[in-house]
Amino acid sequence: MTAQRSREYLMRQQESFVEKHGEDLGAFYFLLMLLQTHGKRALKRGDTATLRALAHDLHAIYLKYTQ
């Protein structure tokens, strides 16, 4: 039940970002929100492996769209 509510919440958040900012920018803002949330949780746990993975993935996205 908790997982389903969490998924529904995230879907509403994504829809909200898309409605406010358009398809591309809304999806990008939603992605940043997810990265920030997961990054904060990993930082509190001291999980440097997850932080490195998030940084690596974000850098890969940056490179994909800037070159």
PDB file of N, CA and C in Angstrom:
ATOM      1  N   MET A   1       0.823  -1.191   0.000  1.00  0.00           N
ATOM      2  CA  MET A   1       0.000   0.000   0.000  1.00  0.00           C
ATOM      3  C   MET A   1       0.867   1.255   0.000  1.00  0.00           C
ATOM      4  N   THR A   2       1.922   1.250   0.815  1.00  0.00           N
ATOM      5  CA  THR A   2       2.806   2.405   0.896  1.00  0.00           C
ATOM      6  C   THR A   2       3.512   2.647  -0.432  1.00  0.00           C
ATOM      7  N   ALA A   3       3.973   1.575  -1.070  1.00  0.00           N
ATOM      8  CA  ALA A   3       4.656   1.706  -2.356  1.00  0.00           C
ATOM      9  C   ALA A   3       3.714   2.269  -3.407  1.00  0.00           C
ATOM     10  N   GLN A   4       2.467   1.851  -3.396  1.00  0.00           N
ATOM     11  CA  GLN A   4       1.496   2.342  -4.366  1.00  0.00           C
ATOM     12  C   GLN A   4       1.223   3.829  -4.144  1.00  0.00           C
ATOM     13  N   ARG A   5       1.080   4.239  -2.900  1.00  0.00           N
ATOM     14  CA  ARG A   5       0.856   5.662  -2.607  1.00  0.00           C
ATOM     15  C   ARG A   5       2.050   6.502  -3.016  1.00  0.00           C
ATOM     16  N   SER A   6       3.239   5.976  -2.763  1.00  0.00           N
ATOM     17  CA  SER A   6       4.456   6.682  -3.149  1.00  0.00           C
ATOM     18  C   SER A   6       4.514   6.854  -4.667  1.00  0.00           C
ATOM     19  N   ARG A   7       4.200   5.798  -5.387  1.00  0.00           N
ATOM     20  CA  ARG A   7       4.196   5.867  -6.856  1.00  0.00           C
ATOM     21  C   ARG A   7       3.155   6.877  -7.349  1.00  0.00           C
ATOM     22  N   GLU A   8       1.974   6.840  -6.779  1.00  0.00           N
ATOM     23  CA  GLU A   8       0.924   7.782  -7.167  1.00  0.00           C
ATOM     24  C   GLU A   8       1.350   9.220  -6.883  1.00  0.00           C
ATOM     25  N   TYR A   9       1.974   9.436  -5.737  1.00  0.00           N
ATOM     26  CA  TYR A   9       2.462  10.768  -5.390  1.00  0.00           C
ATOM     27  C   TYR A   9       3.479  11.252  -6.416  1.00  0.00           C
ATOM     28  N   LEU A  10       4.420  10.387  -6.774  1.00  0.00           N
ATOM     29  CA  LEU A  10       5.435  10.780  -7.753  1.00  0.00           C
ATOM     30  C   LEU A  10       4.814  11.059  -9.121  1.00  0.00           C
ATOM     31  N   MET A  11       3.829  10.296  -9.508  1.00  0.00           N
ATOM     32  CA  MET A  11       3.158  10.524 -10.794  1.00  0.00           C
ATOM     33  C   MET A  11       2.439  11.880 -10.783  1.00  0.00           C
ATOM     34  N   ARG A  12       1.803  12.216  -9.666  1.00  0.00           N
ATOM     35  CA  ARG A  12       1.155  13.535  -9.564  1.00  0.00           C
ATOM     36  C   ARG A  12       2.181  14.654  -9.616  1.00  0.00           C
ATOM     37  N   GLN A  13       3.329  14.449  -8.948  1.00  0.00           N
ATOM     38  CA  GLN A  13       4.389  15.444  -8.974  1.00  0.00           C
ATOM     39  C   GLN A  13       4.890  15.656 -10.405  1.00  0.00           C
ATOM     40  N   GLN A  14       5.107  14.571 -11.118  1.00  0.00           N
ATOM     41  CA  GLN A  14       5.587  14.680 -12.490  1.00  0.00           C
ATOM     42  C   GLN A  14       4.568  15.415 -13.363  1.00  0.00           C
ATOM     43  N   GLU A  15       3.318  15.065 -13.235  1.00  0.00           N
ATOM     44  CA  GLU A  15       2.265  15.739 -13.996  1.00  0.00           C
ATOM     45  C   GLU A  15       2.229  17.230 -13.676  1.00  0.00           C
ATOM     46  N   SER A  16       2.401  17.566 -12.407  1.00  0.00           N
ATOM     47  CA  SER A  16       2.394  18.962 -11.982  1.00  0.00           C
ATOM     48  C   SER A  16       3.548  19.739 -12.624  1.00  0.00           C
ATOM     49  N   PHE A  17       4.738  19.160 -12.605  1.00  0.00           N
ATOM     50  CA  PHE A  17       5.887  19.825 -13.226  1.00  0.00           C
ATOM     51  C   PHE A  17       5.667  20.009 -14.726  1.00  0.00           C
ATOM     52  N   VAL A  18       5.116  19.004 -15.387  1.00  0.00           N
ATOM     53  CA  VAL A  18       4.876  19.083 -16.834  1.00  0.00           C
ATOM     54  C   VAL A  18       3.818  20.144 -17.131  1.00  0.00           C
ATOM     55  N   GLU A  19       2.764  20.195 -16.331  1.00  0.00           N
ATOM     56  CA  GLU A  19       1.719  21.206 -16.531  1.00  0.00           C
ATOM     57  C   GLU A  19       2.267  22.621 -16.374  1.00  0.00           C
ATOM     58  N   LYS A  20       3.117  22.812 -15.370  1.00  0.00           N
ATOM     59  CA  LYS A  20       3.650  24.145 -15.083  1.00  0.00           C
ATOM     60  C   LYS A  20       4.710  24.597 -16.072  1.00  0.00           C
ATOM     61  N   HIS A  21       5.544  23.655 -16.534  1.00  0.00           N
ATOM     62  CA  HIS A  21       6.736  24.056 -17.284  1.00  0.00           C
ATOM     63  C   HIS A  21       6.825  23.476 -18.689  1.00  0.00           C
ATOM     64  N   GLY A  22       5.855  22.695 -19.117  1.00  0.00           N
ATOM     65  CA  GLY A  22       5.913  22.065 -20.429  1.00  0.00           C
ATOM     66  C   GLY A  22       6.563  20.691 -20.337  1.00  0.00           C
ATOM     67  N   GLU A  23       6.482  19.951 -21.433  1.00  0.00           N
ATOM     68  CA  GLU A  23       6.918  18.545 -21.433  1.00  0.00           C
ATOM     69  C   GLU A  23       8.395  18.373 -21.103  1.00  0.00           C
ATOM     70  N   ASP A  24       9.268  19.026 -21.849  1.00  0.00           N
ATOM     71  CA  ASP A  24      10.712  18.816 -21.667  1.00  0.00           C
ATOM     72  C   ASP A  24      11.231  19.397 -20.358  1.00  0.00           C
ATOM     73  N   LEU A  25      10.942  20.663 -20.120  1.00  0.00           N
ATOM     74  CA  LEU A  25      11.442  21.317 -18.913  1.00  0.00           C
ATOM     75  C   LEU A  25      10.799  20.725 -17.659  1.00  0.00           C
ATOM     76  N   GLY A  26       9.529  20.379 -17.732  1.00  0.00           N
ATOM     77  CA  GLY A  26       8.860  19.754 -16.600  1.00  0.00           C
ATOM     78  C   GLY A  26       9.476  18.413 -16.243  1.00  0.00           C
ATOM     79  N   ALA A  27       9.783  17.613 -17.272  1.00  0.00           N
ATOM     80  CA  ALA A  27      10.429  16.314 -17.027  1.00  0.00           C
ATOM     81  C   ALA A  27      11.813  16.522 -16.420  1.00  0.00           C
ATOM     82  N   PHE A  28      12.533  17.542 -16.884  1.00  0.00           N
ATOM     83  CA  PHE A  28      13.864  17.838 -16.357  1.00  0.00           C
ATOM     84  C   PHE A  28      13.782  18.265 -14.892  1.00  0.00           C
ATOM     85  N   TYR A  29      12.845  19.141 -14.557  1.00  0.00           N
ATOM     86  CA  TYR A  29      12.684  19.578 -13.168  1.00  0.00           C
ATOM     87  C   TYR A  29      12.302  18.405 -12.264  1.00  0.00           C
ATOM     88  N   PHE A  30      11.460  17.513 -12.773  1.00  0.00           N
ATOM     89  CA  PHE A  30      11.073  16.331 -11.999  1.00  0.00           C
ATOM     90  C   PHE A  30      12.296  15.458 -11.743  1.00  0.00           C
ATOM     91  N   LEU A  31      13.124  15.278 -12.748  1.00  0.00           N
ATOM     92  CA  LEU A  31      14.357  14.501 -12.588  1.00  0.00           C
ATOM     93  C   LEU A  31      15.263  15.133 -11.534  1.00  0.00           C
ATOM     94  N   LEU A  32      15.399  16.453 -11.570  1.00  0.00           N
ATOM     95  CA  LEU A  32      16.226  17.134 -10.571  1.00  0.00           C
ATOM     96  C   LEU A  32      15.666  16.956  -9.164  1.00  0.00           C
ATOM     97  N   MET A  33      14.348  16.995  -9.038  1.00  0.00           N
ATOM     98  CA  MET A  33      13.726  16.792  -7.739  1.00  0.00           C
ATOM     99  C   MET A  33      14.033  15.387  -7.215  1.00  0.00           C
ATOM    100  N   LEU A  34      13.955  14.381  -8.088  1.00  0.00           N
ATOM    101  CA  LEU A  34      14.279  13.016  -7.676  1.00  0.00           C
ATOM    102  C   LEU A  34      15.741  12.882  -7.271  1.00  0.00           C
ATOM    103  N   LEU A  35      16.633  13.478  -8.056  1.00  0.00           N
ATOM    104  CA  LEU A  35      18.054  13.428  -7.729  1.00  0.00           C
ATOM    105  C   LEU A  35      18.338  14.090  -6.390  1.00  0.00           C
ATOM    106  N   GLN A  36      17.706  15.229  -6.147  1.00  0.00           N
ATOM    107  CA  GLN A  36      17.905  15.935  -4.890  1.00  0.00           C
ATOM    108  C   GLN A  36      17.406  15.098  -3.718  1.00  0.00           C
ATOM    109  N   THR A  37      16.239  14.496  -3.860  1.00  0.00           N
ATOM    110  CA  THR A  37      15.666  13.678  -2.791  1.00  0.00           C
ATOM    111  C   THR A  37      16.548  12.479  -2.483  1.00  0.00           C
ATOM    112  N   HIS A  38      16.940  11.751  -3.517  1.00  0.00           N
ATOM    113  CA  HIS A  38      17.772  10.567  -3.296  1.00  0.00           C
ATOM    114  C   HIS A  38      19.158  10.954  -2.799  1.00  0.00           C
ATOM    115  N   GLY A  39      19.670  12.072  -3.283  1.00  0.00           N
ATOM    116  CA  GLY A  39      20.972  12.544  -2.828  1.00  0.00           C
ATOM    117  C   GLY A  39      20.976  12.911  -1.358  1.00  0.00           C
ATOM    118  N   LYS A  40      19.932  13.589  -0.911  1.00  0.00           N
ATOM    119  CA  LYS A  40      19.839  13.961   0.506  1.00  0.00           C
ATOM    120  C   LYS A  40      19.766  12.723   1.391  1.00  0.00           C
ATOM    121  N   ARG A  41      18.980  11.744   0.967  1.00  0.00           N
ATOM    122  CA  ARG A  41      18.862  10.514   1.757  1.00  0.00           C
ATOM    123  C   ARG A  41      20.193   9.775   1.816  1.00  0.00           C
ATOM    124  N   ALA A  42      20.889   9.697   0.680  1.00  0.00           N
ATOM    125  CA  ALA A  42      22.182   9.018   0.642  1.00  0.00           C
ATOM    126  C   ALA A  42      23.197   9.749   1.510  1.00  0.00           C
ATOM    127  N   LEU A  43      23.167  11.070   1.484  1.00  0.00           N
ATOM    128  CA  LEU A  43      24.087  11.861   2.288  1.00  0.00           C
ATOM    129  C   LEU A  43      23.854  11.626   3.780  1.00  0.00           C
ATOM    130  N   LYS A  44      22.601  11.599   4.193  1.00  0.00           N
ATOM    131  CA  LYS A  44      22.285  11.345   5.599  1.00  0.00           C
ATOM    132  C   LYS A  44      22.746   9.961   6.048  1.00  0.00           C
ATOM    133  N   ARG A  45      22.681   8.988   5.132  1.00  0.00           N
ATOM    134  CA  ARG A  45      23.123   7.630   5.457  1.00  0.00           C
ATOM    135  C   ARG A  45      24.636   7.484   5.357  1.00  0.00           C
ATOM    136  N   GLY A  46      25.296   8.473   4.741  1.00  0.00           N
ATOM    137  CA  GLY A  46      26.733   8.372   4.521  1.00  0.00           C
ATOM    138  C   GLY A  46      27.075   7.433   3.379  1.00  0.00           C
ATOM    139  N   ASP A  47      26.154   7.263   2.464  1.00  0.00           N
ATOM    140  CA  ASP A  47      26.295   6.326   1.348  1.00  0.00           C
ATOM    141  C   ASP A  47      27.001   7.004   0.175  1.00  0.00           C
ATOM    142  N   THR A  48      28.323   6.981   0.206  1.00  0.00           N
ATOM    143  CA  THR A  48      29.097   7.663  -0.832  1.00  0.00           C
ATOM    144  C   THR A  48      28.983   6.970  -2.188  1.00  0.00           C
ATOM    145  N   ALA A  49      28.749   5.663  -2.208  1.00  0.00           N
ATOM    146  CA  ALA A  49      28.609   4.941  -3.478  1.00  0.00           C
ATOM    147  C   ALA A  49      27.385   5.449  -4.251  1.00  0.00           C
ATOM    148  N   THR A  50      26.293   5.650  -3.545  1.00  0.00           N
ATOM    149  CA  THR A  50      25.085   6.169  -4.195  1.00  0.00           C
ATOM    150  C   THR A  50      25.302   7.602  -4.660  1.00  0.00           C
ATOM    151  N   LEU A  51      25.949   8.413  -3.853  1.00  0.00           N
ATOM    152  CA  LEU A  51      26.232   9.797  -4.258  1.00  0.00           C
ATOM    153  C   LEU A  51      27.107   9.830  -5.507  1.00  0.00           C
ATOM    154  N   ARG A  52      28.104   8.974  -5.559  1.00  0.00           N
ATOM    155  CA  ARG A  52      28.960   8.909  -6.756  1.00  0.00           C
ATOM    156  C   ARG A  52      28.157   8.468  -7.979  1.00  0.00           C
ATOM    157  N   ALA A  53      27.278   7.492  -7.797  1.00  0.00           N
ATOM    158  CA  ALA A  53      26.455   7.015  -8.910  1.00  0.00           C
ATOM    159  C   ALA A  53      25.518   8.117  -9.412  1.00  0.00           C
ATOM    160  N   LEU A  54      24.916   8.864  -8.494  1.00  0.00           N
ATOM    161  CA  LEU A  54      24.046   9.972  -8.895  1.00  0.00           C
ATOM    162  C   LEU A  54      24.837  11.038  -9.648  1.00  0.00           C
ATOM    163  N   ALA A  55      26.009  11.373  -9.143  1.00  0.00           N
ATOM    164  CA  ALA A  55      26.854  12.371  -9.811  1.00  0.00           C
ATOM    165  C   ALA A  55      27.266  11.879 -11.192  1.00  0.00           C
ATOM    166  N   HIS A  56      27.611  10.621 -11.308  1.00  0.00           N
ATOM    167  CA  HIS A  56      28.006  10.046 -12.588  1.00  0.00           C
ATOM    168  C   HIS A  56      26.845  10.102 -13.590  1.00  0.00           C
ATOM    169  N   ASP A  57      25.653   9.710 -13.146  1.00  0.00           N
ATOM    170  CA  ASP A  57      24.481   9.723 -14.020  1.00  0.00           C
ATOM    171  C   ASP A  57      24.113  11.138 -14.451  1.00  0.00           C
ATOM    172  N   LEU A  58      24.177  12.076 -13.536  1.00  0.00           N
ATOM    173  CA  LEU A  58      23.866  13.462 -13.867  1.00  0.00           C
ATOM    174  C   LEU A  58      24.888  14.018 -14.858  1.00  0.00           C
ATOM    175  N   HIS A  59      26.146  13.693 -14.677  1.00  0.00           N
ATOM    176  CA  HIS A  59      27.189  14.129 -15.605  1.00  0.00           C
ATOM    177  C   HIS A  59      26.963  13.518 -16.991  1.00  0.00           C
ATOM    178  N   ALA A  60      26.551  12.266 -17.050  1.00  0.00           N
ATOM    179  CA  ALA A  60      26.283  11.618 -18.331  1.00  0.00           C
ATOM    180  C   ALA A  60      25.133  12.311 -19.068  1.00  0.00           C
ATOM    181  N   ILE A  61      24.096  12.698 -18.327  1.00  0.00           N
ATOM    182  CA  ILE A  61      22.979  13.429 -18.939  1.00  0.00           C
ATOM    183  C   ILE A  61      23.462  14.771 -19.461  1.00  0.00           C
ATOM    184  N   TYR A  62      24.265  15.460 -18.681  1.00  0.00           N
ATOM    185  CA  TYR A  62      24.831  16.748 -19.104  1.00  0.00           C
ATOM    186  C   TYR A  62      25.611  16.597 -20.402  1.00  0.00           C
ATOM    187  N   LEU A  63      26.475  15.609 -20.457  1.00  0.00           N
ATOM    188  CA  LEU A  63      27.290  15.397 -21.659  1.00  0.00           C
ATOM    189  C   LEU A  63      26.436  15.048 -22.875  1.00  0.00           C
ATOM    190  N   LYS A  64      25.403  14.261 -22.660  1.00  0.00           N
ATOM    191  CA  LYS A  64      24.538  13.854 -23.766  1.00  0.00           C
ATOM    192  C   LYS A  64      23.881  15.054 -24.441  1.00  0.00           C
ATOM    193  N   TYR A  65      23.486  16.038 -23.658  1.00  0.00           N
ATOM    194  CA  TYR A  65      22.726  17.156 -24.214  1.00  0.00           C
ATOM    195  C   TYR A  65      23.559  18.415 -24.467  1.00  0.00           C
ATOM    196  N   THR A  66      24.828  18.392 -24.154  1.00  0.00           N
ATOM    197  CA  THR A  66      25.640  19.596 -24.380  1.00  0.00           C
ATOM    198  C   THR A  66      26.711  19.398 -25.436  1.00  0.00           C
ATOM    199  N   GLN A  67      26.835  18.201 -25.979  1.00  0.00           N
ATOM    200  CA  GLN A  67      27.868  17.994 -27.000  1.00  0.00           C
ATOM    201  C   GLN A  67      27.267  17.667 -28.327  1.00  0.00           C
TER     202      GLN A  67
END
